PDB file of N, CA and C in Angstrom:
ATOM      1  N   MET A   1      11.124  -2.631  15.744  1.00  0.00           N
ATOM      2  CA  MET A   1      11.457  -1.746  14.832  1.00  0.00           C
ATOM      3  C   MET A   1      10.253  -0.956  14.456  1.00  0.00           C
ATOM      4  N   THR A   2      10.310   0.115  14.342  1.00  0.00           N
ATOM      5  CA  THR A   2       9.220   0.941  13.857  1.00  0.00           C
ATOM      6  C   THR A   2       9.481   1.244  12.550  1.00  0.00           C
ATOM      7  N   ALA A   3       8.255   0.844  11.348  1.00  0.00           N
ATOM      8  CA  ALA A   3       8.754   1.294  10.351  1.00  0.00           C
ATOM      9  C   ALA A   3       8.686   2.988   9.875  1.00  0.00           C
ATOM     10  N   ARG A   4       9.630   3.207   9.164  1.00  0.00           N
ATOM     11  CA  ARG A   4       9.625   4.831   8.781  1.00  0.00           C
ATOM     12  C   ARG A   4       9.321   4.634   7.179  1.00  0.00           C
ATOM     13  N   PRO A   5       8.758   5.767   6.673  1.00  0.00           N
ATOM     14  CA  PRO A   5       8.821   5.666   5.338  1.00  0.00           C
ATOM     15  C   PRO A   5       9.746   6.524   4.754  1.00  0.00           C
ATOM     16  N   ALA A   6      10.255   6.878   3.554  1.00  0.00           N
ATOM     17  CA  ALA A   6      11.348   7.218   3.308  1.00  0.00           C
ATOM     18  C   ALA A   6      10.653   8.081   1.877  1.00  0.00           C
ATOM     19  N   LEU A   7      10.574   9.120   1.578  1.00  0.00           N
ATOM     20  CA  LEU A   7       9.475   9.895   0.745  1.00  0.00           C
ATOM     21  C   LEU A   7      10.673  10.407  -0.250  1.00  0.00           C
ATOM     22  N   SER A   8      10.130  10.316  -1.410  1.00  0.00           N
ATOM     23  CA  SER A   8      10.810  11.352  -2.428  1.00  0.00           C
ATOM     24  C   SER A   8       9.813  11.151  -3.828  1.00  0.00           C
ATOM     25  N   SER A   9       8.877  12.050  -3.799  1.00  0.00           N
ATOM     26  CA  SER A   9       7.913  12.393  -4.764  1.00  0.00           C
ATOM     27  C   SER A   9       7.001  11.093  -4.106  1.00  0.00           C
ATOM     28  N   ASN A  10       6.360  10.368  -5.411  1.00  0.00           N
ATOM     29  CA  ASN A  10       5.382   9.508  -5.112  1.00  0.00           C
ATOM     30  C   ASN A  10       5.986   8.218  -4.274  1.00  0.00           C
ATOM     31  N   ARG A  11       7.133   8.018  -4.259  1.00  0.00           N
ATOM     32  CA  ARG A  11       7.798   6.770  -4.031  1.00  0.00           C
ATOM     33  C   ARG A  11       7.936   6.827  -2.348  1.00  0.00           C
ATOM     34  N   CYS A  12       7.835   5.571  -1.801  1.00  0.00           N
ATOM     35  CA  CYS A  12       7.801   5.452  -0.381  1.00  0.00           C
ATOM     36  C   CYS A  12       8.406   4.231  -0.034  1.00  0.00           C
ATOM     37  N   ARG A  13       9.648   4.231   1.120  1.00  0.00           N
ATOM     38  CA  ARG A  13       9.785   2.707   1.099  1.00  0.00           C
ATOM     39  C   ARG A  13       9.816   2.509   2.760  1.00  0.00           C
ATOM     40  N   TRP A  14       9.430   1.312   3.159  1.00  0.00           N
ATOM     41  CA  TRP A  14       9.626   1.188   4.742  1.00  0.00           C
ATOM     42  C   TRP A  14      10.167  -0.149   4.936  1.00  0.00           C
ATOM     43  N   ARG A  15      11.063  -0.107   6.024  1.00  0.00           N
ATOM     44  CA  ARG A  15      11.305  -1.205   6.726  1.00  0.00           C
ATOM     45  C   ARG A  15      11.112  -1.303   7.823  1.00  0.00           C
ATOM     46  N   GLY A  16      10.494  -2.879   8.290  1.00  0.00           N
ATOM     47  CA  GLY A  16       9.846  -3.065   9.557  1.00  0.00           C
ATOM     48  C   GLY A  16      10.734  -3.982  10.256  1.00  0.00           C
ATOM     49  N   SER A  17      12.075  -3.919   9.495  1.00  0.00           N
ATOM     50  CA  SER A  17      13.175  -4.781  10.366  1.00  0.00           C
ATOM     51  C   SER A  17      14.382  -4.531   9.603  1.00  0.00           C
ATOM     52  N   ALA A  18      15.476  -4.909  10.297  1.00  0.00           N
ATOM     53  CA  ALA A  18      16.504  -4.743   9.561  1.00  0.00           C
ATOM     54  C   ALA A  18      16.888  -5.939   8.436  1.00  0.00           C
ATOM     55  N   ASP A  19      16.119  -6.705   8.138  1.00  0.00           N
ATOM     56  CA  ASP A  19      15.912  -7.458   6.934  1.00  0.00           C
ATOM     57  C   ASP A  19      15.567  -6.812   5.975  1.00  0.00           C
ATOM     58  N   GLN A  20      16.373  -6.820   4.704  1.00  0.00           N
ATOM     59  CA  GLN A  20      16.059  -6.284   3.556  1.00  0.00           C
ATOM     60  C   GLN A  20      14.595  -6.868   2.915  1.00  0.00           C
ATOM     61  N   SER A  21      14.677  -8.027   2.925  1.00  0.00           N
ATOM     62  CA  SER A  21      13.430  -8.792   2.381  1.00  0.00           C
ATOM     63  C   SER A  21      12.228  -8.578   2.906  1.00  0.00           C
ATOM     64  N   GLN A  22      12.430  -8.004   4.062  1.00  0.00           N
ATOM     65  CA  GLN A  22      10.672  -7.622   4.642  1.00  0.00           C
ATOM     66  C   GLN A  22      10.584  -6.125   4.511  1.00  0.00           C
ATOM     67  N   SER A  23      11.399  -5.533   3.765  1.00  0.00           N
ATOM     68  CA  SER A  23      11.037  -4.176   3.298  1.00  0.00           C
ATOM     69  C   SER A  23       9.969  -3.760   2.091  1.00  0.00           C
ATOM     70  N   VAL A  24       9.233  -3.048   2.211  1.00  0.00           N
ATOM     71  CA  VAL A  24       7.983  -2.928   1.345  1.00  0.00           C
ATOM     72  C   VAL A  24       8.376  -1.438   0.632  1.00  0.00           C
ATOM     73  N   SER A  25       8.048  -1.151  -0.774  1.00  0.00           N
ATOM     74  CA  SER A  25       7.872   0.246  -1.231  1.00  0.00           C
ATOM     75  C   SER A  25       6.598   0.184  -2.027  1.00  0.00           C
ATOM     76  N   PHE A  26       6.472   1.572  -2.141  1.00  0.00           N
ATOM     77  CA  PHE A  26       5.218   1.907  -2.982  1.00  0.00           C
ATOM     78  C   PHE A  26       5.752   3.206  -3.850  1.00  0.00           C
ATOM     79  N   ASP A  27       5.399   3.111  -5.374  1.00  0.00           N
ATOM     80  CA  ASP A  27       5.785   3.881  -6.243  1.00  0.00           C
ATOM     81  C   ASP A  27       4.774   4.600  -6.785  1.00  0.00           C
ATOM     82  N   GLY A  28       3.454   4.666  -6.270  1.00  0.00           N
ATOM     83  CA  GLY A  28       2.586   5.523  -6.553  1.00  0.00           C
ATOM     84  C   GLY A  28       1.678   4.559  -7.313  1.00  0.00           C
ATOM     85  N   LYS A  29       1.976   3.158  -7.823  1.00  0.00           N
ATOM     86  CA  LYS A  29       0.888   2.736  -8.679  1.00  0.00           C
ATOM     87  C   LYS A  29       1.104   1.059  -8.250  1.00  0.00           C
ATOM     88  N   THR A  30       2.355   0.514  -7.787  1.00  0.00           N
ATOM     89  CA  THR A  30       2.388  -0.508  -7.435  1.00  0.00           C
ATOM     90  C   THR A  30       3.175  -0.476  -5.915  1.00  0.00           C
ATOM     91  N   VAL A  31       2.767  -1.847  -5.398  1.00  0.00           N
ATOM     92  CA  VAL A  31       3.279  -1.996  -4.055  1.00  0.00           C
ATOM     93  C   VAL A  31       4.268  -3.059  -4.042  1.00  0.00           C
ATOM     94  N   THR A  32       5.779  -3.109  -3.503  1.00  0.00           N
ATOM     95  CA  THR A  32       6.189  -4.168  -3.727  1.00  0.00           C
ATOM     96  C   THR A  32       6.909  -4.556  -2.484  1.00  0.00           C
ATOM     97  N   GLY A  33       6.914  -5.909  -1.901  1.00  0.00           N
ATOM     98  CA  GLY A  33       7.438  -6.661  -0.934  1.00  0.00           C
ATOM     99  C   GLY A  33       7.276  -8.132  -0.703  1.00  0.00           C
ATOM    100  N   ILE A  34       7.678  -8.632  -0.007  1.00  0.00           N
ATOM    101  CA  ILE A  34       7.465 -10.233   0.145  1.00  0.00           C
ATOM    102  C   ILE A  34       7.942 -11.044  -1.110  1.00  0.00           C
ATOM    103  N   GLY A  35       8.876 -10.236  -1.739  1.00  0.00           N
ATOM    104  CA  GLY A  35       9.237 -10.875  -3.054  1.00  0.00           C
ATOM    105  C   GLY A  35       8.203 -10.765  -4.256  1.00  0.00           C
ATOM    106  N   ARG A  36       7.147  -9.866  -4.031  1.00  0.00           N
ATOM    107  CA  ARG A  36       6.234  -9.863  -5.002  1.00  0.00           C
ATOM    108  C   ARG A  36       5.909  -8.253  -5.326  1.00  0.00           C
ATOM    109  N   THR A  37       5.329  -8.177  -6.494  1.00  0.00           N
ATOM    110  CA  THR A  37       4.847  -6.860  -6.695  1.00  0.00           C
ATOM    111  C   THR A  37       3.439  -6.787  -7.053  1.00  0.00           C
ATOM    112  N   PHE A  38       2.508  -6.023  -6.613  1.00  0.00           N
ATOM    113  CA  PHE A  38       1.215  -5.906  -6.476  1.00  0.00           C
ATOM    114  C   PHE A  38       0.671  -4.644  -7.302  1.00  0.00           C
ATOM    115  N   VAL A  39       0.157  -4.730  -8.529  1.00  0.00           N
ATOM    116  CA  VAL A  39      -0.368  -3.644  -9.216  1.00  0.00           C
ATOM    117  C   VAL A  39      -1.537  -3.033  -8.379  1.00  0.00           C
ATOM    118  N   LEU A  40      -1.750  -1.843  -8.045  1.00  0.00           N
ATOM    119  CA  LEU A  40      -2.817  -1.335  -7.286  1.00  0.00           C
ATOM    120  C   LEU A  40      -4.100  -1.470  -8.470  1.00  0.00           C
ATOM    121  N   GLY A  41      -5.434  -1.577  -7.603  1.00  0.00           N
ATOM    122  CA  GLY A  41      -6.693  -1.794  -8.953  1.00  0.00           C
ATOM    123  C   GLY A  41      -7.618  -2.063  -7.933  1.00  0.00           C
ATOM    124  N   GLU A  42      -9.009  -1.901  -8.707  1.00  0.00           N
ATOM    125  CA  GLU A  42     -10.146  -2.196  -7.978  1.00  0.00           C
ATOM    126  C   GLU A  42     -10.253  -3.407  -6.838  1.00  0.00           C
ATOM    127  N   ASN A  43      -9.363  -4.462  -7.284  1.00  0.00           N
ATOM    128  CA  ASN A  43      -9.473  -5.409  -6.041  1.00  0.00           C
ATOM    129  C   ASN A  43      -8.125  -5.525  -5.416  1.00  0.00           C
ATOM    130  N   THR A  44      -7.020  -4.367  -5.685  1.00  0.00           N
ATOM    131  CA  THR A  44      -6.160  -4.614  -4.814  1.00  0.00           C
ATOM    132  C   THR A  44      -5.725  -3.245  -4.400  1.00  0.00           C
ATOM    133  N   LEU A  45      -5.928  -3.015  -2.942  1.00  0.00           N
ATOM    134  CA  LEU A  45      -5.914  -1.702  -2.526  1.00  0.00           C
ATOM    135  C   LEU A  45      -4.672  -1.465  -1.452  1.00  0.00           C
ATOM    136  N   PHE A  46      -4.327  -0.511  -1.328  1.00  0.00           N
ATOM    137  CA  PHE A  46      -3.086  -0.052  -0.465  1.00  0.00           C
ATOM    138  C   PHE A  46      -3.224   0.719   0.688  1.00  0.00           C
ATOM    139  N   LEU A  47      -3.154   0.276   1.956  1.00  0.00           N
ATOM    140  CA  LEU A  47      -3.551   1.291   3.021  1.00  0.00           C
ATOM    141  C   LEU A  47      -2.168   1.831   3.887  1.00  0.00           C
ATOM    142  N   ASP A  48      -2.120   2.863   3.980  1.00  0.00           N
ATOM    143  CA  ASP A  48      -1.011   3.524   4.938  1.00  0.00           C
ATOM    144  C   ASP A  48      -1.313   4.954   5.415  1.00  0.00           C
ATOM    145  N   TYR A  49      -1.876   5.172   6.728  1.00  0.00           N
ATOM    146  CA  TYR A  49      -1.856   6.483   7.342  1.00  0.00           C
ATOM    147  C   TYR A  49      -0.750   7.464   7.145  1.00  0.00           C
ATOM    148  N   ARG A  50       0.651   7.009   6.693  1.00  0.00           N
ATOM    149  CA  ARG A  50       1.636   7.923   6.062  1.00  0.00           C
ATOM    150  C   ARG A  50       1.522   8.685   4.793  1.00  0.00           C
ATOM    151  N   LEU A  51       0.487   8.215   4.181  1.00  0.00           N
ATOM    152  CA  LEU A  51       0.507   8.583   2.744  1.00  0.00           C
ATOM    153  C   LEU A  51      -0.104  10.001   2.740  1.00  0.00           C
ATOM    154  N   GLU A  52       0.432  10.974   1.899  1.00  0.00           N
ATOM    155  CA  GLU A  52      -0.306  12.430   2.033  1.00  0.00           C
ATOM    156  C   GLU A  52      -0.921  12.512   0.355  1.00  0.00           C
ATOM    157  N   ARG A  53      -1.570  13.527   0.666  1.00  0.00           N
ATOM    158  CA  ARG A  53      -2.843  13.973  -0.351  1.00  0.00           C
ATOM    159  C   ARG A  53      -2.261  13.977  -1.760  1.00  0.00           C
ATOM    160  N   ALA A  54      -1.301  14.501  -1.969  1.00  0.00           N
ATOM    161  CA  ALA A  54      -0.447  14.237  -3.399  1.00  0.00           C
ATOM    162  C   ALA A  54      -0.557  12.803  -3.794  1.00  0.00           C
ATOM    163  N   GLN A  55       0.075  11.763  -2.792  1.00  0.00           N
ATOM    164  CA  GLN A  55       0.167  10.684  -3.237  1.00  0.00           C
ATOM    165  C   GLN A  55      -1.128   9.660  -3.314  1.00  0.00           C
ATOM    166  N   LEU A  56      -2.335  10.348  -2.608  1.00  0.00           N
ATOM    167  CA  LEU A  56      -3.510   9.694  -2.907  1.00  0.00           C
ATOM    168  C   LEU A  56      -3.820  10.177  -4.106  1.00  0.00           C
ATOM    169  N   ALA A  57      -4.071  11.328  -4.176  1.00  0.00           N
ATOM    170  CA  ALA A  57      -4.371  12.157  -5.488  1.00  0.00           C
ATOM    171  C   ALA A  57      -4.235  11.066  -6.681  1.00  0.00           C
ATOM    172  N   ALA A  58      -2.689  10.775  -6.983  1.00  0.00           N
ATOM    173  CA  ALA A  58      -2.198  10.010  -7.847  1.00  0.00           C
ATOM    174  C   ALA A  58      -2.677   8.601  -7.991  1.00  0.00           C
ATOM    175  N   ASN A  59      -3.723   8.044  -7.087  1.00  0.00           N
ATOM    176  CA  ASN A  59      -3.906   6.607  -6.758  1.00  0.00           C
ATOM    177  C   ASN A  59      -5.077   6.526  -6.673  1.00  0.00           C
ATOM    178  N   PRO A  60      -6.253   6.107  -7.039  1.00  0.00           N
ATOM    179  CA  PRO A  60      -7.514   5.926  -6.224  1.00  0.00           C
ATOM    180  C   PRO A  60      -7.658   4.467  -5.800  1.00  0.00           C
ATOM    181  N   TYR A  61      -6.653   3.907  -5.670  1.00  0.00           N
ATOM    182  CA  TYR A  61      -6.554   2.765  -4.868  1.00  0.00           C
ATOM    183  C   TYR A  61      -5.598   2.690  -3.600  1.00  0.00           C
ATOM    184  N   ALA A  62      -5.259   3.875  -3.372  1.00  0.00           N
ATOM    185  CA  ALA A  62      -4.283   3.984  -2.202  1.00  0.00           C
ATOM    186  C   ALA A  62      -5.012   4.902  -1.061  1.00  0.00           C
ATOM    187  N   PHE A  63      -4.815   4.664   0.170  1.00  0.00           N
ATOM    188  CA  PHE A  63      -5.763   5.133   1.142  1.00  0.00           C
ATOM    189  C   PHE A  63      -4.926   5.276   2.543  1.00  0.00           C
ATOM    190  N   ASN A  64      -5.488   6.403   3.366  1.00  0.00           N
ATOM    191  CA  ASN A  64      -4.682   6.659   4.352  1.00  0.00           C
ATOM    192  C   ASN A  64      -5.380   6.961   5.761  1.00  0.00           C
ATOM    193  N   ASN A  65      -6.499   5.999   5.472  1.00  0.00           N
ATOM    194  CA  ASN A  65      -7.307   5.862   6.476  1.00  0.00           C
ATOM    195  C   ASN A  65      -8.391   4.782   6.180  1.00  0.00           C
ATOM    196  N   LEU A  66      -9.060   3.813   7.455  1.00  0.00           N
ATOM    197  CA  LEU A  66     -10.040   2.933   7.314  1.00  0.00           C
ATOM    198  C   LEU A  66     -11.312   3.369   6.638  1.00  0.00           C
ATOM    199  N   LYS A  67     -11.675   4.786   7.110  1.00  0.00           N
ATOM    200  CA  LYS A  67     -13.298   4.968   6.427  1.00  0.00           C
ATOM    201  C   LYS A  67     -13.095   5.125   5.010  1.00  0.00           C
ATOM    202  N   ASP A  68     -12.227   5.719   4.491  1.00  0.00           N
ATOM    203  CA  ASP A  68     -11.828   5.662   2.928  1.00  0.00           C
ATOM    204  C   ASP A  68     -11.885   4.571   2.274  1.00  0.00           C
ATOM    205  N   VAL A  69     -10.869   3.352   2.970  1.00  0.00           N
ATOM    206  CA  VAL A  69     -10.859   2.374   2.196  1.00  0.00           C
ATOM    207  C   VAL A  69     -12.003   1.360   2.435  1.00  0.00           C
ATOM    208  N   LYS A  70     -12.914   1.463   3.261  1.00  0.00           N
ATOM    209  CA  LYS A  70     -14.147   0.888   3.185  1.00  0.00           C
ATOM    210  C   LYS A  70     -14.852   1.211   2.385  1.00  0.00           C
ATOM    211  N   GLY A  71     -14.865   2.153   1.962  1.00  0.00           N
ATOM    212  CA  GLY A  71     -16.077   2.410   0.705  1.00  0.00           C
ATOM    213  C   GLY A  71     -15.334   1.928  -0.583  1.00  0.00           C
ATOM    214  N   ALA A  72     -14.076   1.348  -0.830  1.00  0.00           N
ATOM    215  CA  ALA A  72     -13.388   0.917  -1.902  1.00  0.00           C
ATOM    216  C   ALA A  72     -13.483  -0.779  -1.962  1.00  0.00           C
ATOM    217  N   LEU A  73     -13.750  -1.228  -0.636  1.00  0.00           N
ATOM    218  CA  LEU A  73     -13.670  -2.695  -0.624  1.00  0.00           C
ATOM    219  C   LEU A  73     -15.051  -3.037  -1.412  1.00  0.00           C
ATOM    220  N   ARG A  74     -14.737  -4.448  -1.973  1.00  0.00           N
ATOM    221  CA  ARG A  74     -15.861  -5.156  -2.842  1.00  0.00           C
ATOM    222  C   ARG A  74     -15.519  -6.664  -2.702  1.00  0.00           C
ATOM    223  N   ASN A  75     -16.518  -7.168  -2.940  1.00  0.00           N
ATOM    224  CA  ASN A  75     -16.510  -9.007  -2.862  1.00  0.00           C
ATOM    225  C   ASN A  75     -15.433  -9.094  -4.158  1.00  0.00           C
ATOM    226  N   GLY A  76     -14.692 -10.183  -3.599  1.00  0.00           N
ATOM    227  CA  GLY A  76     -13.612 -10.821  -4.569  1.00  0.00           C
ATOM    228  C   GLY A  76     -14.445 -12.040  -4.697  1.00  0.00           C
ATOM    229  N   THR A  77     -13.695 -12.726  -5.964  1.00  0.00           N
ATOM    230  CA  THR A  77     -13.756 -13.687  -6.566  1.00  0.00           C
ATOM    231  C   THR A  77     -12.794 -14.926  -6.337  1.00  0.00           C
ATOM    232  N   ALA A  78     -13.047 -16.314  -6.755  1.00  0.00           N
ATOM    233  CA  ALA A  78     -11.667 -17.264  -6.505  1.00  0.00           C
ATOM    234  C   ALA A  78     -10.801 -16.759  -7.675  1.00  0.00           C
ATOM    235  N   ASP A  79     -11.210 -16.330  -8.456  1.00  0.00           N
ATOM    236  CA  ASP A  79     -10.349 -16.039  -9.626  1.00  0.00           C
ATOM    237  C   ASP A  79      -9.798 -14.553  -9.401  1.00  0.00           C
ATOM    238  N   LYS A  80     -10.170 -13.576  -8.583  1.00  0.00           N
ATOM    239  CA  LYS A  80      -9.898 -12.244  -8.694  1.00  0.00           C
ATOM    240  C   LYS A  80     -10.309 -11.874  -7.157  1.00  0.00           C
ATOM    241  N   PRO A  81      -9.658 -12.157  -6.287  1.00  0.00           N
ATOM    242  CA  PRO A  81      -9.889 -12.110  -4.940  1.00  0.00           C
ATOM    243  C   PRO A  81      -9.487 -10.470  -4.501  1.00  0.00           C
ATOM    244  N   MET A  82     -10.126 -10.172  -3.628  1.00  0.00           N
ATOM    245  CA  MET A  82     -10.132  -8.514  -2.675  1.00  0.00           C
ATOM    246  C   MET A  82      -8.817  -8.630  -2.123  1.00  0.00           C
ATOM    247  N   MET A  83      -7.844  -8.114  -2.451  1.00  0.00           N
ATOM    248  CA  MET A  83      -6.794  -7.814  -1.354  1.00  0.00           C
ATOM    249  C   MET A  83      -6.816  -6.581  -0.910  1.00  0.00           C
ATOM    250  N   LEU A  84      -6.418  -6.280   0.437  1.00  0.00           N
ATOM    251  CA  LEU A  84      -6.102  -5.074   0.943  1.00  0.00           C
ATOM    252  C   LEU A  84      -4.620  -5.340   1.701  1.00  0.00           C
ATOM    253  N   LEU A  85      -3.862  -4.553   1.072  1.00  0.00           N
ATOM    254  CA  LEU A  85      -2.231  -4.645   1.345  1.00  0.00           C
ATOM    255  C   LEU A  85      -1.892  -3.377   2.420  1.00  0.00           C
ATOM    256  N   THR A  86      -1.348  -3.720   3.358  1.00  0.00           N
ATOM    257  CA  THR A  86      -1.116  -2.591   4.457  1.00  0.00           C
ATOM    258  C   THR A  86       0.193  -2.460   4.773  1.00  0.00           C
ATOM    259  N   ALA A  87       0.784  -1.007   4.716  1.00  0.00           N
ATOM    260  CA  ALA A  87       2.207  -1.014   5.075  1.00  0.00           C
ATOM    261  C   ALA A  87       2.597  -1.568   6.367  1.00  0.00           C
ATOM    262  N   PRO A  88       3.925  -1.875   6.559  1.00  0.00           N
ATOM    263  CA  PRO A  88       4.407  -1.911   7.865  1.00  0.00           C
ATOM    264  C   PRO A  88       4.014  -0.896   9.238  1.00  0.00           C
ATOM    265  N   GLY A  89       3.729  -1.437  10.212  1.00  0.00           N
ATOM    266  CA  GLY A  89       3.294  -0.389  11.279  1.00  0.00           C
ATOM    267  C   GLY A  89       1.534  -0.309  11.456  1.00  0.00           C
ATOM    268  N   VAL A  90       1.071  -0.495  10.286  1.00  0.00           N
ATOM    269  CA  VAL A  90      -0.612   0.005  10.108  1.00  0.00           C
ATOM    270  C   VAL A  90      -1.494  -1.198  11.018  1.00  0.00           C
TER     271      VAL A  90
END
């Protein structure tokens, strides 16, 4: 099944399957999925080609293409690993 975003302001929710436990949502500052919530920051980035400019402008850690996210990637540490979260279908 193809993931489809449901947009309402800066909120997005995707379902990659009929199983609700596999849904992912982005509220402009956090990504929630797989039973966890990730706060975006220097070491936690989010990539989804479906994000629009307004959504990207609201968070410097959300990206819609690899070229832009590449510039934000940095070396992580054992205490603070680098995480690149991707939306279903990316």
